[in-house]
C-alpha atoms as a PDB file:
ATOM      1  CA  MET A   1      31.990 -13.322  -8.929  1.00  0.00           C
ATOM      2  CA  ALA A   2      30.502 -16.798  -9.351  1.00  0.00           C
ATOM      3  CA  GLN A   3      32.687 -18.014  -6.495  1.00  0.00           C
ATOM      4  CA  LYS A   4      31.431 -15.174  -4.315  1.00  0.00           C
ATOM      5  CA  ALA A   5      27.825 -16.163  -5.052  1.00  0.00           C
ATOM      6  CA  GLU A   6      28.632 -19.759  -4.157  1.00  0.00           C
ATOM      7  CA  GLU A   7      30.190 -18.668  -0.867  1.00  0.00           C
ATOM      8  CA  LEU A   8      27.100 -16.614  -0.008  1.00  0.00           C
ATOM      9  CA  LEU A   9      24.873 -19.595  -0.771  1.00  0.00           C
ATOM     10  CA  LYS A  10      26.958 -21.779   1.562  1.00  0.00           C
ATOM     11  CA  GLN A  11      26.522 -19.126   4.272  1.00  0.00           C
ATOM     12  CA  GLY A  12      22.774 -19.689   4.027  1.00  0.00           C
ATOM     13  CA  ARG A  13      21.868 -16.450   2.294  1.00  0.00           C
ATOM     14  CA  SER A  14      18.642 -16.422   0.306  1.00  0.00           C
ATOM     15  CA  GLU A  15      18.714 -16.297  -3.487  1.00  0.00           C
ATOM     16  CA  ALA A  16      17.147 -12.814  -3.422  1.00  0.00           C
ATOM     17  CA  GLU A  17      19.773 -11.544  -0.995  1.00  0.00           C
ATOM     18  CA  ILE A  18      22.581 -13.041  -3.080  1.00  0.00           C
ATOM     19  CA  ALA A  19      21.140 -11.464  -6.234  1.00  0.00           C
ATOM     20  CA  GLN A  20      21.087  -8.042  -4.573  1.00  0.00           C
ATOM     21  CA  ILE A  21      24.630  -8.425  -3.251  1.00  0.00           C
ATOM     22  CA  MET A  22      25.937  -9.634  -6.614  1.00  0.00           C
ATOM     23  CA  ASN A  23      24.191  -6.873  -8.531  1.00  0.00           C
ATOM     24  CA  GLN A  24      25.711  -4.256  -6.225  1.00  0.00           C
ATOM     25  CA  ALA A  25      29.154  -5.889  -6.459  1.00  0.00           C
ATOM     26  CA  ARG A  26      28.899  -5.755 -10.265  1.00  0.00           C
ATOM     27  CA  ARG A  27      27.951  -2.066 -10.102  1.00  0.00           C
ATOM     28  CA  ASP A  28      30.862  -1.378  -7.717  1.00  0.00           C
ATOM     29  CA  ILE A  29      33.316  -3.040 -10.130  1.00  0.00           C
ATOM     30  CA  GLY A  30      31.835  -0.961 -12.917  1.00  0.00           C
ATOM     31  CA  VAL A  31      32.524   2.225 -10.968  1.00  0.00           C
ATOM     32  CA  GLN A  32      36.141   1.193 -10.452  1.00  0.00           C
ATOM     33  CA  TYR A  33      36.651   0.643 -14.182  1.00  0.00           C
ATOM     34  CA  LYS A  34      34.723   3.743 -15.185  1.00  0.00           C
ATOM     35  CA  ASN A  35      36.880   5.819 -12.857  1.00  0.00           C
ATOM     36  CA  VAL A  36      39.942   4.920 -14.966  1.00  0.00           C
ATOM     37  CA  THR A  37      38.117   5.344 -18.285  1.00  0.00           C
ATOM     38  CA  PRO A  38      38.830   8.551 -20.241  1.00  0.00           C
ATOM     39  CA  GLU A  39      36.317  11.216 -19.235  1.00  0.00           C
ATOM     40  CA  ARG A  40      34.505  11.605 -22.576  1.00  0.00           C
ATOM     41  CA  LEU A  41      34.104   7.850 -23.009  1.00  0.00           C
ATOM     42  CA  ARG A  42      32.885   7.582 -19.415  1.00  0.00           C
ATOM     43  CA  GLU A  43      30.304  10.312 -20.084  1.00  0.00           C
ATOM     44  CA  TYR A  44      29.122   8.405 -23.145  1.00  0.00           C
ATOM     45  CA  ILE A  45      28.809   5.128 -21.221  1.00  0.00           C
ATOM     46  CA  TYR A  46      26.846   6.860 -18.458  1.00  0.00           C
ATOM     47  CA  GLU A  47      24.508   8.419 -21.015  1.00  0.00           C
ATOM     48  CA  VAL A  48      23.905   5.102 -22.771  1.00  0.00           C
ATOM     49  CA  ASN A  49      23.269   3.355 -19.457  1.00  0.00           C
ATOM     50  CA  LYS A  50      20.873   6.088 -18.382  1.00  0.00           C
ATOM     51  CA  GLY A  51      18.940   5.679 -21.619  1.00  0.00           C
ATOM     52  CA  ARG A  52      18.821   1.898 -21.295  1.00  0.00           C
ATOM     53  CA  TYR A  53      18.383   1.446 -17.552  1.00  0.00           C
ATOM     54  CA  GLU A  54      17.489   4.883 -16.140  1.00  0.00           C
ATOM     55  CA  ASP A  55      20.739   4.766 -14.135  1.00  0.00           C
ATOM     56  CA  PRO A  56      24.234   5.793 -15.266  1.00  0.00           C
ATOM     57  CA  LEU A  57      25.835   2.750 -13.625  1.00  0.00           C
ATOM     58  CA  GLY A  58      23.594   0.254 -15.338  1.00  0.00           C
ATOM     59  CA  PRO A  59      20.677  -1.826 -14.173  1.00  0.00           C
ATOM     60  CA  THR A  60      19.802  -1.872 -10.495  1.00  0.00           C
ATOM     61  CA  TYR A  61      18.397  -4.953  -8.805  1.00  0.00           C
ATOM     62  CA  GLU A  62      14.986  -3.292  -8.741  1.00  0.00           C
ATOM     63  CA  TYR A  63      15.160  -2.487 -12.459  1.00  0.00           C
ATOM     64  CA  LEU A  64      16.068  -6.067 -13.319  1.00  0.00           C
ATOM     65  CA  LYS A  65      13.267  -7.510 -11.167  1.00  0.00           C
ATOM     66  CA  ALA A  66      10.738  -5.049 -12.643  1.00  0.00           C
ATOM     67  CA  ASN A  67      11.791  -6.225 -16.112  1.00  0.00           C
ATOM     68  CA  GLY A  68      11.142  -9.877 -15.390  1.00  0.00           C
ATOM     69  CA  LYS A  69      14.561 -11.166 -14.344  1.00  0.00           C
ATOM     70  CA  THR A  70      14.659 -13.890 -11.723  1.00  0.00           C
ATOM     71  CA  ASP A  71      17.112 -13.778  -8.865  1.00  0.00           C
ATOM     72  CA  ALA A  72      18.977 -16.722 -10.426  1.00  0.00           C
ATOM     73  CA  GLN A  73      19.287 -14.796 -13.722  1.00  0.00           C
ATOM     74  CA  ILE A  74      20.541 -11.720 -11.893  1.00  0.00           C
ATOM     75  CA  ILE A  75      23.181 -13.789 -10.092  1.00  0.00           C
ATOM     76  CA  GLN A  76      24.298 -15.377 -13.373  1.00  0.00           C
ATOM     77  CA  SER A  77      24.453 -12.092 -15.282  1.00  0.00           C
ATOM     78  CA  ALA A  78      26.422 -10.401 -12.491  1.00  0.00           C
ATOM     79  CA  SER A  79      28.991 -13.174 -12.825  1.00  0.00           C
ATOM     80  CA  ARG A  80      29.837 -12.686 -16.487  1.00  0.00           C
ATOM     81  CA  PRO A  81      31.186  -9.814 -18.591  1.00  0.00           C
ATOM     82  CA  ASN A  82      28.941  -7.700 -20.747  1.00  0.00           C
ATOM     83  CA  PRO A  83      28.635  -9.438 -24.141  1.00  0.00           C
ATOM     84  CA  ASP A  84      27.461  -6.159 -25.710  1.00  0.00           C
ATOM     85  CA  VAL A  85      30.588  -4.013 -25.185  1.00  0.00           C
ATOM     86  CA  ASP A  86      31.359  -3.628 -28.892  1.00  0.00           C
ATOM     87  CA  LYS A  87      27.745  -2.693 -29.591  1.00  0.00           C
ATOM     88  CA  LEU A  88      27.777  -0.261 -26.681  1.00  0.00           C
ATOM     89  CA  LEU A  89      30.917   1.480 -27.922  1.00  0.00           C
ATOM     90  CA  SER A  90      29.905   1.509 -31.591  1.00  0.00           C
ATOM     91  CA  GLY A  91      28.020   4.795 -31.206  1.00  0.00           C
ATOM     92  CA  PHE A  92      30.778   6.633 -29.352  1.00  0.00           C
ATOM     93  CA  GLU A  93      32.315   8.361 -32.374  1.00  0.00           C
ATOM     94  CA  LYS A  94      28.952   9.692 -33.552  1.00  0.00           C
ATOM     95  CA  TRP A  95      28.058  10.805 -30.020  1.00  0.00           C
ATOM     96  CA  LEU A  96      31.415  12.567 -29.655  1.00  0.00           C
ATOM     97  CA  LYS A  97      30.970  14.477 -32.926  1.00  0.00           C
ATOM     98  CA  GLU A  98      27.528  15.638 -31.771  1.00  0.00           C
ATOM     99  CA  GLN A  99      28.863  17.050 -28.497  1.00  0.00           C
END
């Protein structure tokens, strides 16, 4: 992903445009992985994301900007894995029992 951002920069794209492209690319990758995730776990992830970001796929570009992220920060975060995966999944068992 970082290489893709660098390529876009070399093409003369603006930082805002690159941030939007990278955010969407990150969301698209998320969809691919969620599509191969077991259904109940996928439902849980969507619910958590909706609670956190008001969107089942995670934060949109608009959400990130509205919450004070710069385009540079959005580009950087789209280029690295989620450091919170263990925390995210820690509530799955409880959620599953409540269903």
